[in-house]
All heavy atoms as atom14 arrays in JSON, in Angstrom:
{
  "sequence": "VQAGGSLRLSCVVSGRTSSSYVMGWFRQAPGKEREFVAARNWWGGS",
  "atom14_mask": [
    [1, 1, 1, 1, 1, 1, 1, 0, 0, 0, 0, 0, 0, 0],
    [1, 1, 1, 1, 1, 1, 1, 1, 1, 0, 0, 0, 0, 0],
    [1, 1, 1, 1, 1, 0, 0, 0, 0, 0, 0, 0, 0, 0],
    [1, 1, 1, 1, 0, 0, 0, 0, 0, 0, 0, 0, 0, 0],
    [1, 1, 1, 1, 0, 0, 0, 0, 0, 0, 0, 0, 0, 0],
    [1, 1, 1, 1, 1, 1, 0, 0, 0, 0, 0, 0, 0, 0],
    [1, 1, 1, 1, 1, 1, 1, 1, 0, 0, 0, 0, 0, 0],
    [1, 1, 1, 1, 1, 1, 1, 1, 1, 1, 1, 0, 0, 0],
    [1, 1, 1, 1, 1, 1, 1, 1, 0, 0, 0, 0, 0, 0],
    [1, 1, 1, 1, 1, 1, 0, 0, 0, 0, 0, 0, 0, 0],
    [1, 1, 1, 1, 1, 1, 0, 0, 0, 0, 0, 0, 0, 0],
    [1, 1, 1, 1, 1, 1, 1, 0, 0, 0, 0, 0, 0, 0],
    [1, 1, 1, 1, 1, 1, 1, 0, 0, 0, 0, 0, 0, 0],
    [1, 1, 1, 1, 1, 1, 0, 0, 0, 0, 0, 0, 0, 0],
    [1, 1, 1, 1, 0, 0, 0, 0, 0, 0, 0, 0, 0, 0],
    [1, 1, 1, 1, 1, 1, 1, 1, 1, 1, 1, 0, 0, 0],
    [1, 1, 1, 1, 1, 1, 1, 0, 0, 0, 0, 0, 0, 0],
    [1, 1, 1, 1, 1, 1, 0, 0, 0, 0, 0, 0, 0, 0],
    [1, 1, 1, 1, 1, 1, 0, 0, 0, 0, 0, 0, 0, 0],
    [1, 1, 1, 1, 1, 1, 0, 0, 0, 0, 0, 0, 0, 0],
    [1, 1, 1, 1, 1, 1, 1, 1, 1, 1, 1, 1, 0, 0],
    [1, 1, 1, 1, 1, 1, 1, 0, 0, 0, 0, 0, 0, 0],
    [1, 1, 1, 1, 1, 1, 1, 1, 0, 0, 0, 0, 0, 0],
    [1, 1, 1, 1, 0, 0, 0, 0, 0, 0, 0, 0, 0, 0],
    [1, 1, 1, 1, 1, 1, 1, 1, 1, 1, 1, 1, 1, 1],
    [1, 1, 1, 1, 1, 1, 1, 1, 1, 1, 1, 0, 0, 0],
    [1, 1, 1, 1, 1, 1, 1, 1, 1, 1, 1, 0, 0, 0],
    [1, 1, 1, 1, 1, 1, 1, 1, 1, 0, 0, 0, 0, 0],
    [1, 1, 1, 1, 1, 0, 0, 0, 0, 0, 0, 0, 0, 0],
    [1, 1, 1, 1, 1, 1, 1, 0, 0, 0, 0, 0, 0, 0],
    [1, 1, 1, 1, 0, 0, 0, 0, 0, 0, 0, 0, 0, 0],
    [1, 1, 1, 1, 1, 1, 1, 1, 1, 0, 0, 0, 0, 0],
    [1, 1, 1, 1, 1, 1, 1, 1, 1, 0, 0, 0, 0, 0],
    [1, 1, 1, 1, 1, 1, 1, 1, 1, 1, 1, 0, 0, 0],
    [1, 1, 1, 1, 1, 1, 1, 1, 1, 0, 0, 0, 0, 0],
    [1, 1, 1, 1, 1, 1, 1, 1, 1, 1, 1, 0, 0, 0],
    [1, 1, 1, 1, 1, 1, 1, 0, 0, 0, 0, 0, 0, 0],
    [1, 1, 1, 1, 1, 0, 0, 0, 0, 0, 0, 0, 0, 0],
    [1, 1, 1, 1, 1, 0, 0, 0, 0, 0, 0, 0, 0, 0],
    [1, 1, 1, 1, 1, 1, 1, 1, 1, 1, 1, 0, 0, 0],
    [1, 1, 1, 1, 1, 1, 1, 1, 0, 0, 0, 0, 0, 0],
    [1, 1, 1, 1, 1, 1, 1, 1, 1, 1, 1, 1, 1, 1],
    [1, 1, 1, 1, 1, 1, 1, 1, 1, 1, 1, 1, 1, 1],
    [1, 1, 1, 1, 0, 0, 0, 0, 0, 0, 0, 0, 0, 0],
    [1, 1, 1, 1, 0, 0, 0, 0, 0, 0, 0, 0, 0, 0],
    [1, 1, 1, 1, 1, 1, 0, 0, 0, 0, 0, 0, 0, 0]
  ],
  "atom14_positions": [
    [[0.85, -1.18, 0.0], [0.0, 0.0, 0.0], [0.89, 1.24, 0.0], [2.0, 1.21, 0.53], [-0.95, 0.0, 1.22], [-0.15, 0.08, 2.52], [-1.96, 1.13, 1.14], [0.0, 0.0, 0.0], [0.0, 0.0, 0.0], [0.0, 0.0, 0.0], [0.0, 0.0, 0.0], [0.0, 0.0, 0.0], [0.0, 0.0, 0.0], [0.0, 0.0, 0.0]],
    [[0.4, 2.31, -0.6], [1.13, 3.57, -0.6], [0.98, 4.29, 0.73], [0.0, 4.09, 1.45], [0.63, 4.48, -1.73], [0.94, 3.96, -3.13], [0.47, 4.92, -4.2], [-0.4, 5.76, -3.98], [1.05, 4.8, -5.38], [0.0, 0.0, 0.0], [0.0, 0.0, 0.0], [0.0, 0.0, 0.0], [0.0, 0.0, 0.0], [0.0, 0.0, 0.0]],
    [[1.96, 5.11, 1.05], [1.89, 5.91, 2.26], [0.6, 6.72, 2.29], [0.2, 7.3, 1.29], [3.1, 6.82, 2.37], [0.0, 0.0, 0.0], [0.0, 0.0, 0.0], [0.0, 0.0, 0.0], [0.0, 0.0, 0.0], [0.0, 0.0, 0.0], [0.0, 0.0, 0.0], [0.0, 0.0, 0.0], [0.0, 0.0, 0.0], [0.0, 0.0, 0.0]],
    [[-0.03, 6.74, 3.45], [-1.31, 7.41, 3.6], [-2.5, 6.51, 3.38], [-3.64, 6.91, 3.67], [0.0, 0.0, 0.0], [0.0, 0.0, 0.0], [0.0, 0.0, 0.0], [0.0, 0.0, 0.0], [0.0, 0.0, 0.0], [0.0, 0.0, 0.0], [0.0, 0.0, 0.0], [0.0, 0.0, 0.0], [0.0, 0.0, 0.0], [0.0, 0.0, 0.0]],
    [[-2.28, 5.31, 2.88], [-3.35, 4.38, 2.61], [-3.77, 3.58, 3.82], [-3.3, 3.8, 4.93], [0.0, 0.0, 0.0], [0.0, 0.0, 0.0], [0.0, 0.0, 0.0], [0.0, 0.0, 0.0], [0.0, 0.0, 0.0], [0.0, 0.0, 0.0], [0.0, 0.0, 0.0], [0.0, 0.0, 0.0], [0.0, 0.0, 0.0], [0.0, 0.0, 0.0]],
    [[-4.66, 2.61, 3.58], [-5.24, 1.81, 4.65], [-5.23, 0.33, 4.31], [-5.27, -0.06, 3.14], [-6.69, 2.24, 4.92], [-6.78, 3.61, 5.28], [0.0, 0.0, 0.0], [0.0, 0.0, 0.0], [0.0, 0.0, 0.0], [0.0, 0.0, 0.0], [0.0, 0.0, 0.0], [0.0, 0.0, 0.0], [0.0, 0.0, 0.0], [0.0, 0.0, 0.0]],
    [[-5.18, -0.49, 5.34], [-5.32, -1.93, 5.23], [-6.04, -2.45, 6.46], [-5.94, -1.85, 7.53], [-3.96, -2.63, 5.13], [-3.2, -2.61, 3.81], [-1.83, -3.25, 4.0], [-3.98, -3.35, 2.73], [0.0, 0.0, 0.0], [0.0, 0.0, 0.0], [0.0, 0.0, 0.0], [0.0, 0.0, 0.0], [0.0, 0.0, 0.0], [0.0, 0.0, 0.0]],
    [[-6.74, -3.57, 6.31], [-7.35, -4.24, 7.45], [-6.83, -5.66, 7.52], [-7.01, -6.45, 6.59], [-8.88, -4.26, 7.35], [-9.54, -4.79, 8.63], [-11.04, -4.84, 8.55], [-11.52, -5.91, 7.7], [-12.77, -6.36, 7.68], [-13.67, -5.8, 8.48], [-13.12, -7.34, 6.87], [0.0, 0.0, 0.0], [0.0, 0.0, 0.0], [0.0, 0.0, 0.0]],
    [[-6.19, -5.98, 8.63], [-5.7, -7.32, 8.88], [-6.74, -8.11, 9.66], [-7.45, -7.57, 10.49], [-4.39, -7.28, 9.67], [-3.26, -6.43, 9.1], [-2.02, -6.56, 9.97], [-2.96, -6.8, 7.66], [0.0, 0.0, 0.0], [0.0, 0.0, 0.0], [0.0, 0.0, 0.0], [0.0, 0.0, 0.0], [0.0, 0.0, 0.0], [0.0, 0.0, 0.0]],
    [[-6.8, -9.42, 9.38], [-7.72, -10.31, 10.07], [-6.95, -11.43, 10.74], [-5.92, -11.88, 10.23], [-8.74, -10.91, 9.1], [-9.51, -9.92, 8.47], [0.0, 0.0, 0.0], [0.0, 0.0, 0.0], [0.0, 0.0, 0.0], [0.0, 0.0, 0.0], [0.0, 0.0, 0.0], [0.0, 0.0, 0.0], [0.0, 0.0, 0.0], [0.0, 0.0, 0.0]],
    [[-7.45, -11.89, 11.86], [-6.89, -13.03, 12.58], [-8.02, -13.95, 12.97], [-8.84, -13.6, 13.84], [-6.1, -12.56, 13.81], [-5.46, -13.91, 14.82], [0.0, 0.0, 0.0], [0.0, 0.0, 0.0], [0.0, 0.0, 0.0], [0.0, 0.0, 0.0], [0.0, 0.0, 0.0], [0.0, 0.0, 0.0], [0.0, 0.0, 0.0], [0.0, 0.0, 0.0]],
    [[-8.1, -15.12, 12.34], [-9.13, -16.1, 12.64], [-8.59, -17.08, 13.67], [-7.52, -17.65, 13.49], [-9.57, -16.84, 11.37], [-10.62, -17.89, 11.71], [-10.12, -15.86, 10.35], [0.0, 0.0, 0.0], [0.0, 0.0, 0.0], [0.0, 0.0, 0.0], [0.0, 0.0, 0.0], [0.0, 0.0, 0.0], [0.0, 0.0, 0.0], [0.0, 0.0, 0.0]],
    [[-9.36, -17.28, 14.73], [-8.96, -18.14, 15.83], [-9.79, -19.42, 15.78], [-11.01, -19.37, 15.69], [-9.15, -17.45, 17.19], [-8.69, -18.35, 18.32], [-8.41, -16.13, 17.21], [0.0, 0.0, 0.0], [0.0, 0.0, 0.0], [0.0, 0.0, 0.0], [0.0, 0.0, 0.0], [0.0, 0.0, 0.0], [0.0, 0.0, 0.0], [0.0, 0.0, 0.0]],
    [[-9.13, -20.57, 15.86], [-9.81, -21.86, 15.87], [-9.18, -22.77, 16.9], [-8.21, -22.41, 17.56], [-9.77, -22.5, 14.48], [-8.44, -22.74, 14.07], [0.0, 0.0, 0.0], [0.0, 0.0, 0.0], [0.0, 0.0, 0.0], [0.0, 0.0, 0.0], [0.0, 0.0, 0.0], [0.0, 0.0, 0.0], [0.0, 0.0, 0.0], [0.0, 0.0, 0.0]],
    [[-9.72, -23.99, 17.02], [-9.26, -24.91, 18.04], [-9.9, -24.6, 19.38], [-10.94, -23.95, 19.46], [0.0, 0.0, 0.0], [0.0, 0.0, 0.0], [0.0, 0.0, 0.0], [0.0, 0.0, 0.0], [0.0, 0.0, 0.0], [0.0, 0.0, 0.0], [0.0, 0.0, 0.0], [0.0, 0.0, 0.0], [0.0, 0.0, 0.0], [0.0, 0.0, 0.0]],
    [[-9.28, -25.08, 20.41], [-9.79, -24.84, 21.76], [-9.43, -23.44, 22.2], [-8.27, -23.12, 22.4], [-9.23, -25.87, 22.74], [-9.71, -27.3, 22.47], [-9.25, -28.24, 23.55], [-9.74, -29.6, 23.33], [-9.53, -30.61, 24.14], [-8.83, -30.44, 25.25], [-10.02, -31.8, 23.86], [0.0, 0.0, 0.0], [0.0, 0.0, 0.0], [0.0, 0.0, 0.0]],
    [[-10.46, -22.63, 22.37], [-10.26, -21.24, 22.75], [-11.1, -20.89, 23.96], [-12.02, -21.62, 24.33], [-10.61, -20.29, 21.6], [-11.99, -20.46, 21.24], [-9.75, -20.58, 20.38], [0.0, 0.0, 0.0], [0.0, 0.0, 0.0], [0.0, 0.0, 0.0], [0.0, 0.0, 0.0], [0.0, 0.0, 0.0], [0.0, 0.0, 0.0], [0.0, 0.0, 0.0]],
    [[-10.78, -19.77, 24.54], [-11.51, -19.27, 25.69], [-11.83, -17.8, 25.48], [-11.01, -17.04, 24.97], [-10.7, -19.44, 26.97], [-11.3, -18.78, 28.06], [0.0, 0.0, 0.0], [0.0, 0.0, 0.0], [0.0, 0.0, 0.0], [0.0, 0.0, 0.0], [0.0, 0.0, 0.0], [0.0, 0.0, 0.0], [0.0, 0.0, 0.0], [0.0, 0.0, 0.0]],
    [[-13.03, -17.4, 25.88], [-13.41, -16.01, 25.78], [-12.64, -15.12, 26.74], [-12.7, -13.89, 26.63], [-14.92, -15.85, 26.03], [-15.27, -16.3, 27.32], [0.0, 0.0, 0.0], [0.0, 0.0, 0.0], [0.0, 0.0, 0.0], [0.0, 0.0, 0.0], [0.0, 0.0, 0.0], [0.0, 0.0, 0.0], [0.0, 0.0, 0.0], [0.0, 0.0, 0.0]],
    [[-11.9, -15.72, 27.66], [-11.08, -14.94, 28.58], [-9.72, -14.58, 28.0], [-8.99, -13.8, 28.61], [-10.89, -15.71, 29.89], [-10.12, -16.88, 29.69], [0.0, 0.0, 0.0], [0.0, 0.0, 0.0], [0.0, 0.0, 0.0], [0.0, 0.0, 0.0], [0.0, 0.0, 0.0], [0.0, 0.0, 0.0], [0.0, 0.0, 0.0], [0.0, 0.0, 0.0]],
    [[-9.37, -15.13, 26.85], [-8.1, -14.81, 26.22], [-8.05, -13.35, 25.8], [-9.03, -12.79, 25.32], [-7.87, -15.68, 24.98], [-7.49, -17.12, 25.24], [-7.52, -17.66, 26.52], [-7.11, -17.94, 24.18], [-7.18, -18.99, 26.73], [-6.76, -19.26, 24.4], [-6.8, -19.78, 25.67], [-6.46, -21.1, 25.88], [0.0, 0.0, 0.0], [0.0, 0.0, 0.0]],
    [[-6.89, -12.74, 25.98], [-6.61, -11.43, 25.43], [-5.97, -11.61, 24.05], [-5.07, -12.44, 23.89], [-5.68, -10.63, 26.36], [-5.17, -9.38, 25.68], [-6.41, -10.28, 27.65], [0.0, 0.0, 0.0], [0.0, 0.0, 0.0], [0.0, 0.0, 0.0], [0.0, 0.0, 0.0], [0.0, 0.0, 0.0], [0.0, 0.0, 0.0], [0.0, 0.0, 0.0]],
    [[-6.42, -10.83, 23.09], [-5.88, -10.89, 21.74], [-4.99, -9.69, 21.48], [-5.35, -8.56, 21.81], [-7.0, -10.94, 20.71], [-7.95, -12.12, 20.87], [-7.12, -13.73, 20.77], [-6.38, -13.62, 19.13], [0.0, 0.0, 0.0], [0.0, 0.0, 0.0], [0.0, 0.0, 0.0], [0.0, 0.0, 0.0], [0.0, 0.0, 0.0], [0.0, 0.0, 0.0]],
    [[-3.84, -9.94, 20.88], [-2.89, -8.88, 20.61], [-2.35, -8.92, 19.19], [-2.42, -9.95, 18.51], [0.0, 0.0, 0.0], [0.0, 0.0, 0.0], [0.0, 0.0, 0.0], [0.0, 0.0, 0.0], [0.0, 0.0, 0.0], [0.0, 0.0, 0.0], [0.0, 0.0, 0.0], [0.0, 0.0, 0.0], [0.0, 0.0, 0.0], [0.0, 0.0, 0.0]],
    [[-1.83, -7.79, 18.76], [-1.11, -7.67, 17.5], [0.3, -7.19, 17.78], [0.5, -6.24, 18.55], [-1.8, -6.69, 16.54], [-3.05, -7.22, 15.92], [-4.33, -7.03, 16.33], [-3.13, -8.02, 14.73], [-5.21, -7.66, 15.49], [-4.51, -8.28, 14.5], [-2.19, -8.55, 13.84], [-4.95, -9.04, 13.41], [-2.63, -9.31, 12.78], [-3.99, -9.55, 12.56]],
    [[1.28, -7.84, 17.15], [2.67, -7.45, 17.21], [3.2, -7.32, 15.79], [2.59, -7.8, 14.84], [3.5, -8.48, 17.99], [3.2, -8.54, 19.46], [2.06, -9.16, 19.93], [4.07, -7.96, 20.38], [1.78, -9.22, 21.28], [3.8, -8.0, 21.73], [2.66, -8.63, 22.19], [0.0, 0.0, 0.0], [0.0, 0.0, 0.0], [0.0, 0.0, 0.0]],
    [[4.35, -6.67, 15.66], [4.97, -6.57, 14.34], [6.49, -6.63, 14.47], [7.05, -6.3, 15.52], [4.55, -5.28, 13.63], [5.06, -4.0, 14.28], [4.48, -2.78, 13.58], [5.0, -1.54, 14.12], [4.59, -0.34, 13.75], [3.64, -0.22, 12.81], [5.12, 0.75, 14.31], [0.0, 0.0, 0.0], [0.0, 0.0, 0.0], [0.0, 0.0, 0.0]],
    [[7.13, -7.05, 13.39], [8.58, -7.15, 13.38], [9.1, -6.7, 12.02], [8.78, -7.31, 11.0], [9.05, -8.57, 13.68], [10.55, -8.69, 13.83], [10.96, -10.03, 14.41], [10.21, -11.01, 14.35], [12.14, -10.09, 14.99], [0.0, 0.0, 0.0], [0.0, 0.0, 0.0], [0.0, 0.0, 0.0], [0.0, 0.0, 0.0], [0.0, 0.0, 0.0]],
    [[9.89, -5.64, 12.03], [10.53, -5.14, 10.82], [11.9, -5.81, 10.67], [12.48, -6.28, 11.65], [10.69, -3.63, 10.89], [0.0, 0.0, 0.0], [0.0, 0.0, 0.0], [0.0, 0.0, 0.0], [0.0, 0.0, 0.0], [0.0, 0.0, 0.0], [0.0, 0.0, 0.0], [0.0, 0.0, 0.0], [0.0, 0.0, 0.0], [0.0, 0.0, 0.0]],
    [[12.45, -5.85, 9.45], [13.75, -6.47, 9.25], [14.82, -5.85, 10.13], [14.96, -4.62, 10.2], [14.04, -6.21, 7.77], [12.69, -6.09, 7.14], [11.85, -5.4, 8.18], [0.0, 0.0, 0.0], [0.0, 0.0, 0.0], [0.0, 0.0, 0.0], [0.0, 0.0, 0.0], [0.0, 0.0, 0.0], [0.0, 0.0, 0.0], [0.0, 0.0, 0.0]],
    [[15.58, -6.69, 10.82], [16.65, -6.22, 11.68], [16.22, -5.62, 12.99], [17.07, -5.11, 13.73], [0.0, 0.0, 0.0], [0.0, 0.0, 0.0], [0.0, 0.0, 0.0], [0.0, 0.0, 0.0], [0.0, 0.0, 0.0], [0.0, 0.0, 0.0], [0.0, 0.0, 0.0], [0.0, 0.0, 0.0], [0.0, 0.0, 0.0], [0.0, 0.0, 0.0]],
    [[14.93, -5.66, 13.31], [14.43, -5.08, 14.54], [13.75, -6.13, 15.41], [13.37, -7.2, 14.93], [13.45, -3.94, 14.25], [14.07, -2.75, 13.54], [13.07, -1.62, 13.37], [13.7, -0.42, 12.7], [12.71, 0.69, 12.55], [0.0, 0.0, 0.0], [0.0, 0.0, 0.0], [0.0, 0.0, 0.0], [0.0, 0.0, 0.0], [0.0, 0.0, 0.0]],
    [[13.6, -5.8, 16.68], [12.9, -6.68, 17.61], [11.4, -6.63, 17.36], [10.86, -5.63, 16.88], [13.21, -6.28, 19.05], [14.66, -6.4, 19.45], [15.12, -7.84, 19.54], [14.29, -8.7, 19.89], [16.29, -8.1, 19.25], [0.0, 0.0, 0.0], [0.0, 0.0, 0.0], [0.0, 0.0, 0.0], [0.0, 0.0, 0.0], [0.0, 0.0, 0.0]],
    [[10.73, -7.71, 17.7], [9.28, -7.73, 17.63], [8.72, -6.75, 18.65], [9.17, -6.71, 19.8], [8.76, -9.14, 17.88], [7.26, -9.3, 17.69], [6.86, -10.77, 17.8], [7.49, -11.57, 16.76], [7.32, -12.88, 16.63], [6.52, -13.53, 17.48], [7.94, -13.54, 15.67], [0.0, 0.0, 0.0], [0.0, 0.0, 0.0], [0.0, 0.0, 0.0]],
    [[7.74, -5.96, 18.24], [7.2, -4.93, 19.11], [5.68, -5.01, 19.2], [5.0, -5.45, 18.27], [7.62, -3.53, 18.64], [7.06, -3.13, 17.3], [7.41, -1.72, 16.9], [7.91, -0.96, 17.76], [7.2, -1.35, 15.72], [0.0, 0.0, 0.0], [0.0, 0.0, 0.0], [0.0, 0.0, 0.0], [0.0, 0.0, 0.0], [0.0, 0.0, 0.0]],
    [[5.18, -4.56, 20.33], [3.75, -4.54, 20.58], [3.06, -3.49, 19.73], [3.59, -2.4, 19.52], [3.49, -4.26, 22.06], [2.06, -4.0, 22.4], [1.17, -5.05, 22.54], [1.6, -2.71, 22.58], [-0.15, -4.82, 22.85], [0.28, -2.46, 22.9], [-0.6, -3.53, 23.03], [0.0, 0.0, 0.0], [0.0, 0.0, 0.0], [0.0, 0.0, 0.0]],
    [[1.84, -3.82, 19.25], [1.05, -2.89, 18.46], [-0.26, -2.55, 19.16], [-0.57, -1.38, 19.4], [0.76, -3.44, 17.05], [-0.16, -2.5, 16.28], [2.06, -3.67, 16.29], [0.0, 0.0, 0.0], [0.0, 0.0, 0.0], [0.0, 0.0, 0.0], [0.0, 0.0, 0.0], [0.0, 0.0, 0.0], [0.0, 0.0, 0.0], [0.0, 0.0, 0.0]],
    [[-1.07, -3.57, 19.48], [-2.38, -3.34, 20.07], [-2.87, -4.62, 20.73], [-2.42, -5.71, 20.4], [-3.39, -2.88, 19.01], [0.0, 0.0, 0.0], [0.0, 0.0, 0.0], [0.0, 0.0, 0.0], [0.0, 0.0, 0.0], [0.0, 0.0, 0.0], [0.0, 0.0, 0.0], [0.0, 0.0, 0.0], [0.0, 0.0, 0.0], [0.0, 0.0, 0.0]],
    [[-3.82, -4.49, 21.66], [-4.41, -5.64, 22.33], [-5.79, -5.3, 22.86], [-6.07, -4.14, 23.19], [-3.52, -6.13, 23.48], [0.0, 0.0, 0.0], [0.0, 0.0, 0.0], [0.0, 0.0, 0.0], [0.0, 0.0, 0.0], [0.0, 0.0, 0.0], [0.0, 0.0, 0.0], [0.0, 0.0, 0.0], [0.0, 0.0, 0.0], [0.0, 0.0, 0.0]],
    [[-6.65, -6.32, 22.93], [-7.97, -6.18, 23.54], [-8.51, -7.55, 23.91], [-8.0, -8.58, 23.45], [-8.94, -5.47, 22.6], [-9.38, -6.27, 21.41], [-10.66, -5.67, 20.83], [-11.71, -5.65, 21.82], [-12.57, -4.65, 22.02], [-12.48, -3.54, 21.27], [-13.5, -4.73, 22.95], [0.0, 0.0, 0.0], [0.0, 0.0, 0.0], [0.0, 0.0, 0.0]],
    [[-9.55, -7.57, 24.74], [-10.2, -8.82, 25.08], [-11.41, -9.03, 24.18], [-11.68, -8.24, 23.28], [-10.59, -8.86, 26.57], [-11.53, -7.73, 26.97], [-12.43, -7.35, 26.23], [-11.32, -7.19, 28.17], [0.0, 0.0, 0.0], [0.0, 0.0, 0.0], [0.0, 0.0, 0.0], [0.0, 0.0, 0.0], [0.0, 0.0, 0.0], [0.0, 0.0, 0.0]],
    [[-12.16, -10.12, 24.43], [-13.29, -10.47, 23.57], [-14.59, -9.81, 23.97], [-15.54, -9.8, 23.18], [-13.5, -11.99, 23.56], [-12.46, -12.74, 22.81], [-11.37, -13.39, 23.31], [-12.4, -12.92, 21.39], [-10.65, -13.97, 22.3], [-11.25, -13.7, 21.11], [-13.21, -12.5, 20.32], [-10.89, -14.08, 19.82], [-12.85, -12.87, 19.03], [-11.71, -13.64, 18.81]],
    [[-14.67, -9.26, 25.18], [-15.97, -8.8, 25.69], [-16.12, -7.3, 25.78], [-17.25, -6.8, 25.9], [-16.24, -9.43, 27.06], [-15.22, -9.08, 28.11], [-15.22, -8.02, 28.97], [-14.02, -9.81, 28.41], [-14.12, -8.04, 29.79], [-13.37, -9.12, 29.46], [-13.45, -10.97, 27.89], [-12.15, -9.57, 30.0], [-12.24, -11.41, 28.43], [-11.62, -10.71, 29.48]],
    [[-15.04, -6.56, 25.77], [-15.15, -5.11, 25.86], [-14.01, -4.51, 26.66], [-12.95, -5.12, 26.8], [0.0, 0.0, 0.0], [0.0, 0.0, 0.0], [0.0, 0.0, 0.0], [0.0, 0.0, 0.0], [0.0, 0.0, 0.0], [0.0, 0.0, 0.0], [0.0, 0.0, 0.0], [0.0, 0.0, 0.0], [0.0, 0.0, 0.0], [0.0, 0.0, 0.0]],
    [[-14.25, -3.34, 27.19], [-13.22, -2.63, 27.91], [-12.34, -1.82, 26.96], [-12.57, -1.76, 25.75], [0.0, 0.0, 0.0], [0.0, 0.0, 0.0], [0.0, 0.0, 0.0], [0.0, 0.0, 0.0], [0.0, 0.0, 0.0], [0.0, 0.0, 0.0], [0.0, 0.0, 0.0], [0.0, 0.0, 0.0], [0.0, 0.0, 0.0], [0.0, 0.0, 0.0]],
    [[-11.34, -1.19, 27.52], [-10.46, -0.32, 26.75], [-9.31, -1.1, 26.16], [-8.59, -1.8, 26.88], [-9.91, 0.8, 27.63], [-10.96, 1.61, 28.14], [0.0, 0.0, 0.0], [0.0, 0.0, 0.0], [0.0, 0.0, 0.0], [0.0, 0.0, 0.0], [0.0, 0.0, 0.0], [0.0, 0.0, 0.0], [0.0, 0.0, 0.0], [0.0, 0.0, 0.0]]
  ]
}
């Protein structure tokens, strides 16, 4: 995508799961450490 554009990433969860799990997104650029991006639970909150 060009700078200024948008994308939507999806993460499908299967297998044995729990609604109490927290879901997060991380990213890793070449030559860099993996870093935190965002996180939330399944039911609400901030």
